[in-house]
PDB file of N, CA and C in Angstrom:
ATOM      1  N   MET A   1      37.322  47.230 -45.956  1.00  0.00           N
ATOM      2  CA  MET A   1      36.612  48.483 -45.863  1.00  0.00           C
ATOM      3  C   MET A   1      37.520  49.664 -46.221  1.00  0.00           C
ATOM      4  N   HIS A   2      38.821  49.539 -45.905  1.00  0.00           N
ATOM      5  CA  HIS A   2      39.740  50.611 -46.276  1.00  0.00           C
ATOM      6  C   HIS A   2      39.756  50.818 -47.789  1.00  0.00           C
ATOM      7  N   THR A   3      39.747  49.722 -48.522  1.00  0.00           N
ATOM      8  CA  THR A   3      39.750  49.817 -49.987  1.00  0.00           C
ATOM      9  C   THR A   3      38.478  50.492 -50.476  1.00  0.00           C
ATOM     10  N   PHE A   4      37.346  50.121 -49.907  1.00  0.00           N
ATOM     11  CA  PHE A   4      36.071  50.730 -50.278  1.00  0.00           C
ATOM     12  C   PHE A   4      36.091  52.237 -50.010  1.00  0.00           C
ATOM     13  N   LEU A   5      36.610  52.634 -48.845  1.00  0.00           N
ATOM     14  CA  LEU A   5      36.698  54.052 -48.517  1.00  0.00           C
ATOM     15  C   LEU A   5      37.650  54.784 -49.451  1.00  0.00           C
ATOM     16  N   TRP A   6      38.756  54.141 -49.811  1.00  0.00           N
ATOM     17  CA  TRP A   6      39.676  54.754 -50.771  1.00  0.00           C
ATOM     18  C   TRP A   6      38.992  54.982 -52.115  1.00  0.00           C
ATOM     19  N   VAL A   7      38.227  53.998 -52.556  1.00  0.00           N
ATOM     20  CA  VAL A   7      37.500  54.147 -53.829  1.00  0.00           C
ATOM     21  C   VAL A   7      36.533  55.329 -53.733  1.00  0.00           C
ATOM     22  N   LEU A   8      35.784  55.410 -52.637  1.00  0.00           N
ATOM     23  CA  LEU A   8      34.861  56.532 -52.452  1.00  0.00           C
ATOM     24  C   LEU A   8      35.611  57.863 -52.425  1.00  0.00           C
ATOM     25  N   GLN A   9      36.745  57.906 -51.732  1.00  0.00           N
ATOM     26  CA  GLN A   9      37.529  59.133 -51.660  1.00  0.00           C
ATOM     27  C   GLN A   9      37.995  59.565 -53.047  1.00  0.00           C
ATOM     28  N   ILE A  10      38.461  58.622 -53.838  1.00  0.00           N
ATOM     29  CA  ILE A  10      38.948  58.948 -55.181  1.00  0.00           C
ATOM     30  C   ILE A  10      37.809  59.425 -56.068  1.00  0.00           C
ATOM     31  N   VAL A  11      36.688  58.723 -56.024  1.00  0.00           N
ATOM     32  CA  VAL A  11      35.538  59.115 -56.851  1.00  0.00           C
ATOM     33  C   VAL A  11      35.049  60.504 -56.457  1.00  0.00           C
ATOM     34  N   LEU A  12      34.907  60.737 -55.166  1.00  0.00           N
ATOM     35  CA  LEU A  12      34.437  62.042 -54.697  1.00  0.00           C
ATOM     36  C   LEU A  12      35.448  63.136 -55.022  1.00  0.00           C
ATOM     37  N   ALA A  13      36.730  62.840 -54.847  1.00  0.00           N
ATOM     38  CA  ALA A  13      37.769  63.830 -55.154  1.00  0.00           C
ATOM     39  C   ALA A  13      37.768  64.191 -56.639  1.00  0.00           C
ATOM     40  N   LEU A  14      37.618  63.213 -57.502  1.00  0.00           N
ATOM     41  CA  LEU A  14      37.576  63.497 -58.941  1.00  0.00           C
ATOM     42  C   LEU A  14      36.363  64.356 -59.296  1.00  0.00           C
ATOM     43  N   GLY A  15      35.230  64.053 -58.690  1.00  0.00           N
ATOM     44  CA  GLY A  15      34.028  64.848 -58.931  1.00  0.00           C
ATOM     45  C   GLY A  15      34.181  66.275 -58.450  1.00  0.00           C
ATOM     46  N   MET A  16      34.739  66.439 -57.262  1.00  0.00           N
ATOM     47  CA  MET A  16      34.943  67.781 -56.711  1.00  0.00           C
ATOM     48  C   MET A  16      35.979  68.558 -57.523  1.00  0.00           C
ATOM     49  N   LEU A  17      37.039  67.880 -57.946  1.00  0.00           N
ATOM     50  CA  LEU A  17      38.070  68.534 -58.740  1.00  0.00           C
ATOM     51  C   LEU A  17      37.508  69.011 -60.074  1.00  0.00           C
ATOM     52  N   ALA A  18      36.744  68.162 -60.739  1.00  0.00           N
ATOM     53  CA  ALA A  18      36.157  68.538 -62.031  1.00  0.00           C
ATOM     54  C   ALA A  18      35.195  69.710 -61.875  1.00  0.00           C
ATOM     55  N   ALA A  19      34.335  69.624 -60.880  1.00  0.00           N
ATOM     56  CA  ALA A  19      33.352  70.696 -60.668  1.00  0.00           C
ATOM     57  C   ALA A  19      34.030  71.999 -60.256  1.00  0.00           C
ATOM     58  N   GLY A  20      34.966  71.906 -59.345  1.00  0.00           N
ATOM     59  CA  GLY A  20      35.629  73.104 -58.841  1.00  0.00           C
ATOM     60  C   GLY A  20      36.542  73.746 -59.864  1.00  0.00           C
ATOM     61  N   ALA A  21      37.305  72.950 -60.580  1.00  0.00           N
ATOM     62  CA  ALA A  21      38.233  73.500 -61.575  1.00  0.00           C
ATOM     63  C   ALA A  21      37.472  74.237 -62.671  1.00  0.00           C
ATOM     64  N   GLY A  22      36.324  73.710 -63.056  1.00  0.00           N
ATOM     65  CA  GLY A  22      35.516  74.389 -64.065  1.00  0.00           C
ATOM     66  C   GLY A  22      35.043  75.753 -63.607  1.00  0.00           C
ATOM     67  N   LYS A  23      34.658  75.841 -62.350  1.00  0.00           N
ATOM     68  CA  LYS A  23      34.183  77.119 -61.814  1.00  0.00           C
ATOM     69  C   LYS A  23      35.323  78.120 -61.660  1.00  0.00           C
ATOM     70  N   VAL A  24      36.492  77.632 -61.291  1.00  0.00           N
ATOM     71  CA  VAL A  24      37.635  78.516 -61.066  1.00  0.00           C
ATOM     72  C   VAL A  24      38.248  78.960 -62.398  1.00  0.00           C
ATOM     73  N   ALA A  25      38.362  78.050 -63.351  1.00  0.00           N
ATOM     74  CA  ALA A  25      39.080  78.340 -64.595  1.00  0.00           C
ATOM     75  C   ALA A  25      38.268  79.164 -65.593  1.00  0.00           C
ATOM     76  N   GLN A  26      36.954  78.977 -65.623  1.00  0.00           N
ATOM     77  CA  GLN A  26      36.127  79.673 -66.606  1.00  0.00           C
ATOM     78  C   GLN A  26      35.742  81.063 -66.114  1.00  0.00           C
ATOM     79  N   PRO A  27      35.559  81.978 -67.043  1.00  0.00           N
ATOM     80  CA  PRO A  27      35.012  83.276 -66.642  1.00  0.00           C
ATOM     81  C   PRO A  27      33.591  83.094 -66.101  1.00  0.00           C
ATOM     82  N   TYR A  28      33.198  84.000 -65.224  1.00  0.00           N
ATOM     83  CA  TYR A  28      31.878  83.917 -64.591  1.00  0.00           C
ATOM     84  C   TYR A  28      30.758  83.846 -65.629  1.00  0.00           C
ATOM     85  N   GLU A  29      30.855  84.631 -66.678  1.00  0.00           N
ATOM     86  CA  GLU A  29      29.796  84.670 -67.687  1.00  0.00           C
ATOM     87  C   GLU A  29      29.600  83.303 -68.332  1.00  0.00           C
ATOM     88  N   LYS A  30      30.698  82.619 -68.631  1.00  0.00           N
ATOM     89  CA  LYS A  30      30.606  81.289 -69.246  1.00  0.00           C
ATOM     90  C   LYS A  30      30.023  80.280 -68.253  1.00  0.00           C
ATOM     91  N   THR A  31      30.429  80.391 -67.008  1.00  0.00           N
ATOM     92  CA  THR A  31      29.877  79.506 -65.979  1.00  0.00           C
ATOM     93  C   THR A  31      28.377  79.742 -65.839  1.00  0.00           C
ATOM     94  N   ALA A  32      27.960  80.985 -65.824  1.00  0.00           N
ATOM     95  CA  ALA A  32      26.533  81.315 -65.684  1.00  0.00           C
ATOM     96  C   ALA A  32      25.720  80.828 -66.879  1.00  0.00           C
ATOM     97  N   GLU A  33      26.335  80.775 -68.072  1.00  0.00           N
ATOM     98  CA  GLU A  33      25.637  80.235 -69.242  1.00  0.00           C
ATOM     99  C   GLU A  33      25.389  78.739 -69.110  1.00  0.00           C
ATOM    100  N   SER A  34      26.387  78.025 -68.629  1.00  0.00           N
ATOM    101  CA  SER A  34      26.266  76.569 -68.559  1.00  0.00           C
ATOM    102  C   SER A  34      25.606  76.074 -67.277  1.00  0.00           C
ATOM    103  N   MET A  35      25.648  76.887 -66.234  1.00  0.00           N
ATOM    104  CA  MET A  35      25.052  76.520 -64.947  1.00  0.00           C
ATOM    105  C   MET A  35      24.114  77.641 -64.513  1.00  0.00           C
ATOM    106  N   ALA A  36      22.833  77.445 -64.739  1.00  0.00           N
ATOM    107  CA  ALA A  36      21.856  78.505 -64.483  1.00  0.00           C
ATOM    108  C   ALA A  36      21.865  78.968 -63.028  1.00  0.00           C
ATOM    109  N   TRP A  37      22.141  78.088 -62.101  1.00  0.00           N
ATOM    110  CA  TRP A  37      22.145  78.448 -60.691  1.00  0.00           C
ATOM    111  C   TRP A  37      23.174  79.523 -60.385  1.00  0.00           C
ATOM    112  N   ALA A  38      24.238  79.607 -61.179  1.00  0.00           N
ATOM    113  CA  ALA A  38      25.317  80.553 -60.900  1.00  0.00           C
ATOM    114  C   ALA A  38      24.836  81.999 -60.988  1.00  0.00           C
ATOM    115  N   ARG A  39      23.760  82.243 -61.720  1.00  0.00           N
ATOM    116  CA  ARG A  39      23.238  83.602 -61.827  1.00  0.00           C
ATOM    117  C   ARG A  39      22.695  84.115 -60.486  1.00  0.00           C
ATOM    118  N   SER A  40      22.412  83.196 -59.577  1.00  0.00           N
ATOM    119  CA  SER A  40      21.918  83.583 -58.252  1.00  0.00           C
ATOM    120  C   SER A  40      23.041  84.006 -57.313  1.00  0.00           C
ATOM    121  N   PHE A  41      24.273  83.869 -57.766  1.00  0.00           N
ATOM    122  CA  PHE A  41      25.441  84.167 -56.947  1.00  0.00           C
ATOM    123  C   PHE A  41      26.352  85.141 -57.682  1.00  0.00           C
ATOM    124  N   SER A  42      27.169  85.858 -56.940  1.00  0.00           N
ATOM    125  CA  SER A  42      28.128  86.775 -57.562  1.00  0.00           C
ATOM    126  C   SER A  42      29.297  85.976 -58.136  1.00  0.00           C
ATOM    127  N   ALA A  43      30.092  86.633 -58.957  1.00  0.00           N
ATOM    128  CA  ALA A  43      31.270  85.982 -59.544  1.00  0.00           C
ATOM    129  C   ALA A  43      32.218  85.514 -58.440  1.00  0.00           C
ATOM    130  N   GLY A  44      32.408  86.340 -57.425  1.00  0.00           N
ATOM    131  CA  GLY A  44      33.292  85.961 -56.318  1.00  0.00           C
ATOM    132  C   GLY A  44      32.793  84.750 -55.548  1.00  0.00           C
ATOM    133  N   GLN A  45      31.483  84.676 -55.357  1.00  0.00           N
ATOM    134  CA  GLN A  45      30.921  83.525 -54.643  1.00  0.00           C
ATOM    135  C   GLN A  45      31.103  82.240 -55.443  1.00  0.00           C
ATOM    136  N   VAL A  46      30.880  82.311 -56.744  1.00  0.00           N
ATOM    137  CA  VAL A  46      31.046  81.119 -57.587  1.00  0.00           C
ATOM    138  C   VAL A  46      32.501  80.677 -57.592  1.00  0.00           C
ATOM    139  N   LYS A  47      33.425  81.625 -57.693  1.00  0.00           N
ATOM    140  CA  LYS A  47      34.860  81.290 -57.663  1.00  0.00           C
ATOM    141  C   LYS A  47      35.242  80.689 -56.305  1.00  0.00           C
ATOM    142  N   THR A  48      34.667  81.213 -55.227  1.00  0.00           N
ATOM    143  CA  THR A  48      34.948  80.679 -53.893  1.00  0.00           C
ATOM    144  C   THR A  48      34.441  79.248 -53.757  1.00  0.00           C
ATOM    145  N   ILE A  49      33.248  78.995 -54.252  1.00  0.00           N
ATOM    146  CA  ILE A  49      32.705  77.632 -54.221  1.00  0.00           C
ATOM    147  C   ILE A  49      33.631  76.698 -54.992  1.00  0.00           C
ATOM    148  N   GLY A  50      34.062  77.133 -56.163  1.00  0.00           N
ATOM    149  CA  GLY A  50      34.975  76.319 -56.966  1.00  0.00           C
ATOM    150  C   GLY A  50      36.289  76.057 -56.249  1.00  0.00           C
ATOM    151  N   ALA A  51      36.852  77.090 -55.623  1.00  0.00           N
ATOM    152  CA  ALA A  51      38.113  76.918 -54.902  1.00  0.00           C
ATOM    153  C   ALA A  51      37.952  75.959 -53.721  1.00  0.00           C
ATOM    154  N   LEU A  52      36.833  76.054 -53.021  1.00  0.00           N
ATOM    155  CA  LEU A  52      36.576  75.130 -51.910  1.00  0.00           C
ATOM    156  C   LEU A  52      36.440  73.694 -52.404  1.00  0.00           C
ATOM    157  N   GLU A  53      35.821  73.518 -53.556  1.00  0.00           N
ATOM    158  CA  GLU A  53      35.695  72.169 -54.122  1.00  0.00           C
ATOM    159  C   GLU A  53      37.056  71.600 -54.510  1.00  0.00           C
ATOM    160  N   VAL A  54      37.922  72.429 -55.081  1.00  0.00           N
ATOM    161  CA  VAL A  54      39.274  71.973 -55.440  1.00  0.00           C
ATOM    162  C   VAL A  54      40.064  71.633 -54.181  1.00  0.00           C
ATOM    163  N   LEU A  55      39.978  72.470 -53.164  1.00  0.00           N
ATOM    164  CA  LEU A  55      40.673  72.193 -51.900  1.00  0.00           C
ATOM    165  C   LEU A  55      40.150  70.920 -51.242  1.00  0.00           C
ATOM    166  N   ALA A  56      38.841  70.704 -51.312  1.00  0.00           N
ATOM    167  CA  ALA A  56      38.267  69.482 -50.746  1.00  0.00           C
ATOM    168  C   ALA A  56      38.791  68.254 -51.478  1.00  0.00           C
ATOM    169  N   ALA A  57      38.910  68.352 -52.804  1.00  0.00           N
ATOM    170  CA  ALA A  57      39.449  67.231 -53.585  1.00  0.00           C
ATOM    171  C   ALA A  57      40.861  66.891 -53.128  1.00  0.00           C
ATOM    172  N   ALA A  58      41.681  67.914 -52.950  1.00  0.00           N
ATOM    173  CA  ALA A  58      43.048  67.684 -52.469  1.00  0.00           C
ATOM    174  C   ALA A  58      43.032  67.095 -51.059  1.00  0.00           C
ATOM    175  N   GLY A  59      42.152  67.601 -50.212  1.00  0.00           N
ATOM    176  CA  GLY A  59      42.072  67.131 -48.834  1.00  0.00           C
ATOM    177  C   GLY A  59      41.583  65.700 -48.702  1.00  0.00           C
ATOM    178  N   LEU A  60      40.809  65.249 -49.652  1.00  0.00           N
ATOM    179  CA  LEU A  60      40.324  63.868 -49.612  1.00  0.00           C
ATOM    180  C   LEU A  60      41.432  62.861 -49.934  1.00  0.00           C
ATOM    181  N   ILE A  61      42.444  63.284 -50.671  1.00  0.00           N
ATOM    182  CA  ILE A  61      43.475  62.352 -51.134  1.00  0.00           C
ATOM    183  C   ILE A  61      44.834  62.585 -50.476  1.00  0.00           C
ATOM    184  N   LEU A  62      45.343  63.804 -50.552  1.00  0.00           N
ATOM    185  CA  LEU A  62      46.734  64.055 -50.179  1.00  0.00           C
ATOM    186  C   LEU A  62      47.100  63.709 -48.737  1.00  0.00           C
ATOM    187  N   PRO A  63      46.328  64.116 -47.728  1.00  0.00           N
ATOM    188  CA  PRO A  63      46.744  63.763 -46.362  1.00  0.00           C
ATOM    189  C   PRO A  63      46.792  62.255 -46.131  1.00  0.00           C
ATOM    190  N   ALA A  64      45.805  61.553 -46.653  1.00  0.00           N
ATOM    191  CA  ALA A  64      45.773  60.101 -46.468  1.00  0.00           C
ATOM    192  C   ALA A  64      46.898  59.428 -47.246  1.00  0.00           C
ATOM    193  N   ALA A  65      47.170  59.899 -48.455  1.00  0.00           N
ATOM    194  CA  ALA A  65      48.202  59.277 -49.283  1.00  0.00           C
ATOM    195  C   ALA A  65      49.604  59.516 -48.736  1.00  0.00           C
ATOM    196  N   THR A  66      49.827  60.684 -48.148  1.00  0.00           N
ATOM    197  CA  THR A  66      51.160  61.007 -47.637  1.00  0.00           C
ATOM    198  C   THR A  66      51.358  60.609 -46.182  1.00  0.00           C
ATOM    199  N   GLY A  67      50.249  60.417 -45.461  1.00  0.00           N
ATOM    200  CA  GLY A  67      50.351  60.097 -44.044  1.00  0.00           C
ATOM    201  C   GLY A  67      50.637  61.321 -43.186  1.00  0.00           C
ATOM    202  N   ILE A  68      50.583  62.502 -43.791  1.00  0.00           N
ATOM    203  CA  ILE A  68      50.832  63.746 -43.070  1.00  0.00           C
ATOM    204  C   ILE A  68      49.491  64.387 -42.737  1.00  0.00           C
ATOM    205  N   ALA A  69      49.222  64.566 -41.462  1.00  0.00           N
ATOM    206  CA  ALA A  69      47.972  65.185 -40.990  1.00  0.00           C
ATOM    207  C   ALA A  69      46.751  64.452 -41.546  1.00  0.00           C
ATOM    208  N   SER A  70      46.720  63.144 -41.342  1.00  0.00           N
ATOM    209  CA  SER A  70      45.648  62.307 -41.893  1.00  0.00           C
ATOM    210  C   SER A  70      44.257  62.708 -41.436  1.00  0.00           C
ATOM    211  N   VAL A  71      44.159  63.408 -40.326  1.00  0.00           N
ATOM    212  CA  VAL A  71      42.850  63.845 -39.831  1.00  0.00           C
ATOM    213  C   VAL A  71      42.196  64.821 -40.805  1.00  0.00           C
ATOM    214  N   LEU A  72      42.968  65.409 -41.708  1.00  0.00           N
ATOM    215  CA  LEU A  72      42.398  66.337 -42.686  1.00  0.00           C
ATOM    216  C   LEU A  72      41.498  65.635 -43.706  1.00  0.00           C
ATOM    217  N   THR A  73      41.707  64.336 -43.920  1.00  0.00           N
ATOM    218  CA  THR A  73      40.870  63.614 -44.890  1.00  0.00           C
ATOM    219  C   THR A  73      39.406  63.562 -44.448  1.00  0.00           C
ATOM    220  N   PRO A  74      39.092  63.107 -43.237  1.00  0.00           N
ATOM    221  CA  PRO A  74      37.678  63.142 -42.850  1.00  0.00           C
ATOM    222  C   PRO A  74      37.153  64.569 -42.692  1.00  0.00           C
ATOM    223  N   LEU A  75      38.021  65.509 -42.325  1.00  0.00           N
ATOM    224  CA  LEU A  75      37.581  66.905 -42.253  1.00  0.00           C
ATOM    225  C   LEU A  75      37.222  67.433 -43.639  1.00  0.00           C
ATOM    226  N   ALA A  76      37.967  67.020 -44.655  1.00  0.00           N
ATOM    227  CA  ALA A  76      37.637  67.398 -46.030  1.00  0.00           C
ATOM    228  C   ALA A  76      36.287  66.796 -46.428  1.00  0.00           C
ATOM    229  N   ALA A  77      36.032  65.571 -45.996  1.00  0.00           N
ATOM    230  CA  ALA A  77      34.740  64.946 -46.288  1.00  0.00           C
ATOM    231  C   ALA A  77      33.604  65.710 -45.616  1.00  0.00           C
ATOM    232  N   VAL A  78      33.829  66.179 -44.404  1.00  0.00           N
ATOM    233  CA  VAL A  78      32.822  67.009 -43.728  1.00  0.00           C
ATOM    234  C   VAL A  78      32.624  68.308 -44.505  1.00  0.00           C
ATOM    235  N   GLY A  79      33.711  68.882 -44.990  1.00  0.00           N
ATOM    236  CA  GLY A  79      33.611  70.086 -45.800  1.00  0.00           C
ATOM    237  C   GLY A  79      32.789  69.864 -47.061  1.00  0.00           C
ATOM    238  N   VAL A  80      32.999  68.729 -47.714  1.00  0.00           N
ATOM    239  CA  VAL A  80      32.195  68.401 -48.902  1.00  0.00           C
ATOM    240  C   VAL A  80      30.731  68.263 -48.512  1.00  0.00           C
ATOM    241  N   ALA A  81      30.471  67.637 -47.383  1.00  0.00           N
ATOM    242  CA  ALA A  81      29.086  67.479 -46.927  1.00  0.00           C
ATOM    243  C   ALA A  81      28.432  68.842 -46.725  1.00  0.00           C
ATOM    244  N   VAL A  82      29.159  69.777 -46.136  1.00  0.00           N
ATOM    245  CA  VAL A  82      28.611  71.120 -45.924  1.00  0.00           C
ATOM    246  C   VAL A  82      28.334  71.803 -47.264  1.00  0.00           C
ATOM    247  N   ILE A  83      29.268  71.683 -48.196  1.00  0.00           N
ATOM    248  CA  ILE A  83      29.070  72.257 -49.529  1.00  0.00           C
ATOM    249  C   ILE A  83      27.838  71.644 -50.189  1.00  0.00           C
ATOM    250  N   MET A  84      27.667  70.338 -50.045  1.00  0.00           N
ATOM    251  CA  MET A  84      26.536  69.657 -50.680  1.00  0.00           C
ATOM    252  C   MET A  84      25.206  70.036 -50.030  1.00  0.00           C
ATOM    253  N   VAL A  85      25.195  70.269 -48.726  1.00  0.00           N
ATOM    254  CA  VAL A  85      23.959  70.740 -48.084  1.00  0.00           C
ATOM    255  C   VAL A  85      23.575  72.101 -48.676  1.00  0.00           C
ATOM    256  N   GLY A  86      24.557  72.966 -48.826  1.00  0.00           N
ATOM    257  CA  GLY A  86      24.287  74.257 -49.460  1.00  0.00           C
ATOM    258  C   GLY A  86      23.802  74.098 -50.887  1.00  0.00           C
ATOM    259  N   ALA A  87      24.398  73.166 -51.619  1.00  0.00           N
ATOM    260  CA  ALA A  87      23.989  72.926 -53.005  1.00  0.00           C
ATOM    261  C   ALA A  87      22.563  72.384 -53.081  1.00  0.00           C
ATOM    262  N   VAL A  88      22.208  71.516 -52.147  1.00  0.00           N
ATOM    263  CA  VAL A  88      20.839  70.983 -52.116  1.00  0.00           C
ATOM    264  C   VAL A  88      19.841  72.118 -51.939  1.00  0.00           C
ATOM    265  N   PHE A  89      20.136  73.032 -51.014  1.00  0.00           N
ATOM    266  CA  PHE A  89      19.226  74.161 -50.799  1.00  0.00           C
ATOM    267  C   PHE A  89      19.186  75.083 -52.019  1.00  0.00           C
ATOM    268  N   ALA A  90      20.346  75.370 -52.601  1.00  0.00           N
ATOM    269  CA  ALA A  90      20.394  76.274 -53.754  1.00  0.00           C
ATOM    270  C   ALA A  90      19.630  75.699 -54.938  1.00  0.00           C
ATOM    271  N   HIS A  91      19.838  74.412 -55.213  1.00  0.00           N
ATOM    272  CA  HIS A  91      19.136  73.783 -56.342  1.00  0.00           C
ATOM    273  C   HIS A  91      17.666  73.535 -56.011  1.00  0.00           C
ATOM    274  N   GLY A  92      17.379  73.229 -54.767  1.00  0.00           N
ATOM    275  CA  GLY A  92      15.987  73.019 -54.362  1.00  0.00           C
ATOM    276  C   GLY A  92      15.157  74.275 -54.507  1.00  0.00           C
ATOM    277  N   ARG A  93      15.738  75.424 -54.147  1.00  0.00           N
ATOM    278  CA  ARG A  93      15.042  76.706 -54.319  1.00  0.00           C
ATOM    279  C   ARG A  93      14.684  76.954 -55.770  1.00  0.00           C
ATOM    280  N   ARG A  94      15.541  76.498 -56.670  1.00  0.00           N
ATOM    281  CA  ARG A  94      15.320  76.707 -58.096  1.00  0.00           C
ATOM    282  C   ARG A  94      14.556  75.537 -58.725  1.00  0.00           C
ATOM    283  N   GLN A  95      14.189  74.561 -57.911  1.00  0.00           N
ATOM    284  CA  GLN A  95      13.462  73.363 -58.347  1.00  0.00           C
ATOM    285  C   GLN A  95      14.226  72.594 -59.429  1.00  0.00           C
ATOM    286  N   GLU A  96      15.531  72.507 -59.256  1.00  0.00           N
ATOM    287  CA  GLU A  96      16.398  71.740 -60.151  1.00  0.00           C
ATOM    288  C   GLU A  96      16.606  70.349 -59.539  1.00  0.00           C
ATOM    289  N   TRP A  97      15.562  69.523 -59.628  1.00  0.00           N
ATOM    290  CA  TRP A  97      15.529  68.250 -58.920  1.00  0.00           C
ATOM    291  C   TRP A  97      16.619  67.271 -59.352  1.00  0.00           C
ATOM    292  N   PRO A  98      16.981  67.172 -60.633  1.00  0.00           N
ATOM    293  CA  PRO A  98      18.095  66.270 -60.971  1.00  0.00           C
ATOM    294  C   PRO A  98      19.406  66.683 -60.286  1.00  0.00           C
ATOM    295  N   ASN A  99      19.641  67.991 -60.186  1.00  0.00           N
ATOM    296  CA  ASN A  99      20.842  68.459 -59.490  1.00  0.00           C
ATOM    297  C   ASN A  99      20.767  68.163 -57.999  1.00  0.00           C
ATOM    298  N   VAL A 100      19.586  68.291 -57.426  1.00  0.00           N
ATOM    299  CA  VAL A 100      19.409  67.956 -56.006  1.00  0.00           C
ATOM    300  C   VAL A 100      19.749  66.484 -55.778  1.00  0.00           C
ATOM    301  N   ALA A 101      19.291  65.613 -56.674  1.00  0.00           N
ATOM    302  CA  ALA A 101      19.568  64.179 -56.520  1.00  0.00           C
ATOM    303  C   ALA A 101      21.067  63.903 -56.553  1.00  0.00           C
ATOM    304  N   VAL A 102      21.788  64.535 -57.478  1.00  0.00           N
ATOM    305  CA  VAL A 102      23.245  64.355 -57.550  1.00  0.00           C
ATOM    306  C   VAL A 102      23.899  64.853 -56.270  1.00  0.00           C
ATOM    307  N   ASN A 103      23.462  66.001 -55.782  1.00  0.00           N
ATOM    308  CA  ASN A 103      24.026  66.551 -54.551  1.00  0.00           C
ATOM    309  C   ASN A 103      23.766  65.652 -53.352  1.00  0.00           C
ATOM    310  N   VAL A 104      22.597  65.036 -53.285  1.00  0.00           N
ATOM    311  CA  VAL A 104      22.281  64.128 -52.178  1.00  0.00           C
ATOM    312  C   VAL A 104      23.189  62.896 -52.231  1.00  0.00           C
ATOM    313  N   VAL A 105      23.445  62.382 -53.423  1.00  0.00           N
ATOM    314  CA  VAL A 105      24.345  61.222 -53.561  1.00  0.00           C
ATOM    315  C   VAL A 105      25.758  61.603 -53.121  1.00  0.00           C
ATOM    316  N   LEU A 106      26.245  62.753 -53.564  1.00  0.00           N
ATOM    317  CA  LEU A 106      27.577  63.204 -53.157  1.00  0.00           C
ATOM    318  C   LEU A 106      27.634  63.463 -51.649  1.00  0.00           C
ATOM    319  N   LEU A 107      26.562  63.987 -51.089  1.00  0.00           N
ATOM    320  CA  LEU A 107      26.469  64.191 -49.647  1.00  0.00           C
ATOM    321  C   LEU A 107      26.576  62.853 -48.917  1.00  0.00           C
ATOM    322  N   ALA A 108      25.865  61.851 -49.396  1.00  0.00           N
ATOM    323  CA  ALA A 108      25.907  60.531 -48.762  1.00  0.00           C
ATOM    324  C   ALA A 108      27.307  59.933 -48.822  1.00  0.00           C
ATOM    325  N   ILE A 109      27.972  60.071 -49.955  1.00  0.00           N
ATOM    326  CA  ILE A 109      29.336  59.557 -50.085  1.00  0.00           C
ATOM    327  C   ILE A 109      30.254  60.266 -49.096  1.00  0.00           C
ATOM    328  N   ALA A 110      30.129  61.584 -48.992  1.00  0.00           N
ATOM    329  CA  ALA A 110      30.967  62.347 -48.064  1.00  0.00           C
ATOM    330  C   ALA A 110      30.722  61.920 -46.617  1.00  0.00           C
ATOM    331  N   VAL A 111      29.465  61.688 -46.264  1.00  0.00           N
ATOM    332  CA  VAL A 111      29.131  61.264 -44.900  1.00  0.00           C
ATOM    333  C   VAL A 111      29.724  59.888 -44.605  1.00  0.00           C
ATOM    334  N   VAL A 112      29.669  58.976 -45.554  1.00  0.00           N
ATOM    335  CA  VAL A 112      30.251  57.642 -45.354  1.00  0.00           C
ATOM    336  C   VAL A 112      31.760  57.751 -45.158  1.00  0.00           C
ATOM    337  N   ILE A 113      32.409  58.582 -45.961  1.00  0.00           N
ATOM    338  CA  ILE A 113      33.859  58.766 -45.800  1.00  0.00           C
ATOM    339  C   ILE A 113      34.174  59.353 -44.430  1.00  0.00           C
ATOM    340  N   ALA A 114      33.457  60.387 -44.031  1.00  0.00           N
ATOM    341  CA  ALA A 114      33.703  61.010 -42.725  1.00  0.00           C
ATOM    342  C   ALA A 114      33.475  60.008 -41.601  1.00  0.00           C
ATOM    343  N   TRP A 115      32.387  59.259 -41.673  1.00  0.00           N
ATOM    344  CA  TRP A 115      32.099  58.251 -40.647  1.00  0.00           C
ATOM    345  C   TRP A 115      33.218  57.217 -40.580  1.00  0.00           C
ATOM    346  N   GLY A 116      33.609  56.698 -41.728  1.00  0.00           N
ATOM    347  CA  GLY A 116      34.623  55.649 -41.743  1.00  0.00           C
ATOM    348  C   GLY A 116      35.984  56.135 -41.292  1.00  0.00           C
ATOM    349  N   ARG A 117      36.380  57.309 -41.728  1.00  0.00           N
ATOM    350  CA  ARG A 117      37.732  57.803 -41.419  1.00  0.00           C
ATOM    351  C   ARG A 117      37.824  58.425 -40.022  1.00  0.00           C
ATOM    352  N   PHE A 118      36.725  58.932 -39.485  1.00  0.00           N
ATOM    353  CA  PHE A 118      36.734  59.406 -38.098  1.00  0.00           C
ATOM    354  C   PHE A 118      36.538  58.238 -37.144  1.00  0.00           C
ATOM    355  N   GLY A 119      35.834  57.209 -37.602  1.00  0.00           N
ATOM    356  CA  GLY A 119      35.428  56.120 -36.721  1.00  0.00           C
ATOM    357  C   GLY A 119      36.267  54.867 -36.844  1.00  0.00           C
ATOM    358  N   PRO A 120      35.610  53.772 -37.195  1.00  0.00           N
ATOM    359  CA  PRO A 120      36.256  52.469 -37.099  1.00  0.00           C
ATOM    360  C   PRO A 120      37.378  52.226 -38.109  1.00  0.00           C
ATOM    361  N   TYR A 121      37.473  53.017 -39.152  1.00  0.00           N
ATOM    362  CA  TYR A 121      38.490  52.773 -40.180  1.00  0.00           C
ATOM    363  C   TYR A 121      39.422  53.966 -40.339  1.00  0.00           C
ATOM    364  N   SER A 122      39.722  54.591 -39.211  1.00  0.00           N
ATOM    365  CA  SER A 122      40.632  55.731 -39.252  1.00  0.00           C
ATOM    366  C   SER A 122      42.050  55.241 -39.489  1.00  0.00           C
ATOM    367  N   TRP A 123      42.919  56.170 -39.673  1.00  0.00           N
ATOM    368  CA  TRP A 123      44.310  55.828 -39.981  1.00  0.00           C
ATOM    369  C   TRP A 123      45.000  55.405 -38.727  1.00  0.00           C
TER     370      TRP A 123
END
């Protein structure tokens, strides 16, 4: 089960890193062109979401890999879950159902990681 959780952590971290880095690195206007939902938020809010996604990616891997403050890994998974709940509502309001489906899958992965790392498969 540890291996399965590691795979989930890596997959989720890569997804969060890709999504967050794109939001942080690109100018707001370019992000708003490629992601219609971004127009509903200010430039600062979009950059903050991106930064939180990048931090979550680091939190899913680094504490567990280094053995330093390992409790941060399941906390990062909880953070991803919170971000995904917000994303579900944001995309649902705009009736972007394919995006809602992706967010629900990422939410489920985050919940499994949090359950496993807080519970029976903690460090």
